[in-house]
Amino acid sequence: MSSTDLNATRQTAEPAAMRAWTEGRTVFVELSDGRIIGFPADRFRILRDATEAELQAVTLRLDGYALRWEALDENTTVQGIVSGNFQLPLA
């Protein structure tokens, strides 16, 4: 399968993030399929210890398929978030 075919399959099979933001210690993602999902930052080891200012510095990467916190050197995939694949259980 070519990379073009793979990208086309990915775009139809997996929603991408259109934007990401935080409110308090919750990270929200607006998806290309119209859903808005949120998760507690405390579900990830590095984000758990981040300040609110550090959490707010979230950016989109890989055409919206990943979230990045540059100052924290932390990445997470949108697919992982949608699937509920978190590093830590709910407190």
C-alpha atoms as a PDB file:
ATOM      1  CA  MET A   1       0.000   0.000   0.000  1.00  0.00           C
ATOM      2  CA  SER A   2       1.421   3.387  -0.939  1.00  0.00           C
ATOM      3  CA  SER A   3       1.749   6.209   1.577  1.00  0.00           C
ATOM      4  CA  THR A   4      -1.012   8.092  -0.280  1.00  0.00           C
ATOM      5  CA  ASP A   5      -3.350   5.096   0.093  1.00  0.00           C
ATOM      6  CA  LEU A   6      -2.386   4.762   3.756  1.00  0.00           C
ATOM      7  CA  ASN A   7      -3.125   8.438   4.413  1.00  0.00           C
ATOM      8  CA  ALA A   8      -6.486   8.167   2.631  1.00  0.00           C
ATOM      9  CA  THR A   9      -7.391   5.098   4.712  1.00  0.00           C
ATOM     10  CA  ARG A  10      -6.317   6.840   7.916  1.00  0.00           C
ATOM     11  CA  GLN A  11      -8.406   9.913   7.142  1.00  0.00           C
ATOM     12  CA  THR A  12     -11.557   7.865   6.608  1.00  0.00           C
ATOM     13  CA  ALA A  13     -10.976   5.420   9.479  1.00  0.00           C
ATOM     14  CA  GLU A  14      -9.667   7.661  12.245  1.00  0.00           C
ATOM     15  CA  PRO A  15     -10.889  11.103  13.236  1.00  0.00           C
ATOM     16  CA  ALA A  16      -8.270  13.823  13.428  1.00  0.00           C
ATOM     17  CA  ALA A  17      -8.156  16.675  15.906  1.00  0.00           C
ATOM     18  CA  MET A  18      -9.305  20.028  14.583  1.00  0.00           C
ATOM     19  CA  ARG A  19      -8.282  21.830  17.771  1.00  0.00           C
ATOM     20  CA  ALA A  20      -7.189  21.083  21.321  1.00  0.00           C
ATOM     21  CA  TRP A  21      -7.434  23.149  24.497  1.00  0.00           C
ATOM     22  CA  THR A  22      -7.510  22.801  28.256  1.00  0.00           C
ATOM     23  CA  GLU A  23      -9.925  23.917  30.927  1.00  0.00           C
ATOM     24  CA  GLY A  24      -8.411  23.492  34.340  1.00  0.00           C
ATOM     25  CA  ARG A  25      -6.778  20.068  34.347  1.00  0.00           C
ATOM     26  CA  THR A  26      -8.931  18.635  31.560  1.00  0.00           C
ATOM     27  CA  VAL A  27      -7.701  18.394  27.970  1.00  0.00           C
ATOM     28  CA  PHE A  28     -10.366  18.732  25.264  1.00  0.00           C
ATOM     29  CA  VAL A  29     -10.104  17.748  21.620  1.00  0.00           C
ATOM     30  CA  GLU A  30     -12.547  18.672  18.852  1.00  0.00           C
ATOM     31  CA  LEU A  31     -12.517  15.890  16.267  1.00  0.00           C
ATOM     32  CA  SER A  32     -13.011  16.054  12.516  1.00  0.00           C
ATOM     33  CA  ASP A  33     -16.197  13.962  12.890  1.00  0.00           C
ATOM     34  CA  GLY A  34     -17.782  16.647  15.092  1.00  0.00           C
ATOM     35  CA  ARG A  35     -17.259  15.039  18.493  1.00  0.00           C
ATOM     36  CA  ILE A  36     -15.606  16.838  21.375  1.00  0.00           C
ATOM     37  CA  ILE A  37     -13.887  14.580  23.870  1.00  0.00           C
ATOM     38  CA  GLY A  38     -12.086  15.401  27.072  1.00  0.00           C
ATOM     39  CA  PHE A  39      -9.810  13.577  29.441  1.00  0.00           C
ATOM     40  CA  PRO A  40      -8.167  14.394  32.770  1.00  0.00           C
ATOM     41  CA  ALA A  41      -4.498  15.322  32.382  1.00  0.00           C
ATOM     42  CA  ASP A  42      -3.845  13.057  35.366  1.00  0.00           C
ATOM     43  CA  ARG A  43      -4.326  10.027  33.087  1.00  0.00           C
ATOM     44  CA  PHE A  44      -0.776  10.565  31.725  1.00  0.00           C
ATOM     45  CA  ARG A  45       2.366  10.491  33.893  1.00  0.00           C
ATOM     46  CA  ILE A  46       4.016  13.622  32.515  1.00  0.00           C
ATOM     47  CA  LEU A  47       0.789  15.625  32.215  1.00  0.00           C
ATOM     48  CA  ARG A  48      -0.166  14.705  35.787  1.00  0.00           C
ATOM     49  CA  ASP A  49       2.735  16.772  37.105  1.00  0.00           C
ATOM     50  CA  ALA A  50       2.393  19.651  34.625  1.00  0.00           C
ATOM     51  CA  THR A  51       1.251  23.107  35.626  1.00  0.00           C
ATOM     52  CA  GLU A  52      -1.944  24.493  34.119  1.00  0.00           C
ATOM     53  CA  ALA A  53       0.174  26.867  32.010  1.00  0.00           C
ATOM     54  CA  GLU A  54       2.182  23.916  30.670  1.00  0.00           C
ATOM     55  CA  LEU A  55      -1.025  22.023  29.866  1.00  0.00           C
ATOM     56  CA  GLN A  56      -2.401  25.002  27.943  1.00  0.00           C
ATOM     57  CA  ALA A  57       0.584  24.861  25.575  1.00  0.00           C
ATOM     58  CA  VAL A  58      -0.877  21.855  23.709  1.00  0.00           C
ATOM     59  CA  THR A  59      -0.470  21.869  19.916  1.00  0.00           C
ATOM     60  CA  LEU A  60      -1.627  19.616  17.101  1.00  0.00           C
ATOM     61  CA  ARG A  61       0.898  17.553  15.157  1.00  0.00           C
ATOM     62  CA  LEU A  62       0.824  15.070  12.276  1.00  0.00           C
ATOM     63  CA  ASP A  63      -2.157  16.708  10.559  1.00  0.00           C
ATOM     64  CA  GLY A  64      -4.205  16.492  13.754  1.00  0.00           C
ATOM     65  CA  TYR A  65      -3.445  12.857  14.561  1.00  0.00           C
ATOM     66  CA  ALA A  66      -1.293  13.707  17.592  1.00  0.00           C
ATOM     67  CA  LEU A  67      -1.143  16.191  20.468  1.00  0.00           C
ATOM     68  CA  ARG A  68       2.177  17.696  21.559  1.00  0.00           C
ATOM     69  CA  TRP A  69       3.373  19.515  24.660  1.00  0.00           C
ATOM     70  CA  GLU A  70       6.765  20.831  23.551  1.00  0.00           C
ATOM     71  CA  ALA A  71       8.037  22.094  26.925  1.00  0.00           C
ATOM     72  CA  LEU A  72       7.116  18.762  28.541  1.00  0.00           C
ATOM     73  CA  ASP A  73       8.436  16.663  25.623  1.00  0.00           C
ATOM     74  CA  GLU A  74       5.127  14.752  25.653  1.00  0.00           C
ATOM     75  CA  ASN A  75       3.093  13.375  22.739  1.00  0.00           C
ATOM     76  CA  THR A  76      -0.107  11.383  22.580  1.00  0.00           C
ATOM     77  CA  THR A  77      -2.102  10.126  19.629  1.00  0.00           C
ATOM     78  CA  VAL A  78      -5.687  11.105  18.971  1.00  0.00           C
ATOM     79  CA  GLN A  79      -6.500   7.463  18.210  1.00  0.00           C
ATOM     80  CA  GLY A  80      -5.176   6.465  21.641  1.00  0.00           C
ATOM     81  CA  ILE A  81      -7.291   9.089  23.371  1.00  0.00           C
ATOM     82  CA  VAL A  82     -10.420   8.115  21.436  1.00  0.00           C
ATOM     83  CA  SER A  83      -9.760   4.449  22.233  1.00  0.00           C
ATOM     84  CA  GLY A  84      -9.292   5.218  25.929  1.00  0.00           C
ATOM     85  CA  ASN A  85      -5.640   4.128  26.009  1.00  0.00           C
ATOM     86  CA  PHE A  86      -4.339   6.081  29.000  1.00  0.00           C
ATOM     87  CA  GLN A  87      -1.196   5.429  31.026  1.00  0.00           C
ATOM     88  CA  LEU A  88      -2.862   5.761  34.416  1.00  0.00           C
ATOM     89  CA  PRO A  89      -6.241   4.762  35.885  1.00  0.00           C
ATOM     90  CA  LEU A  90      -8.737   7.323  37.113  1.00  0.00           C
ATOM     91  CA  ALA A  91      -7.857   8.572  40.569  1.00  0.00           C
END
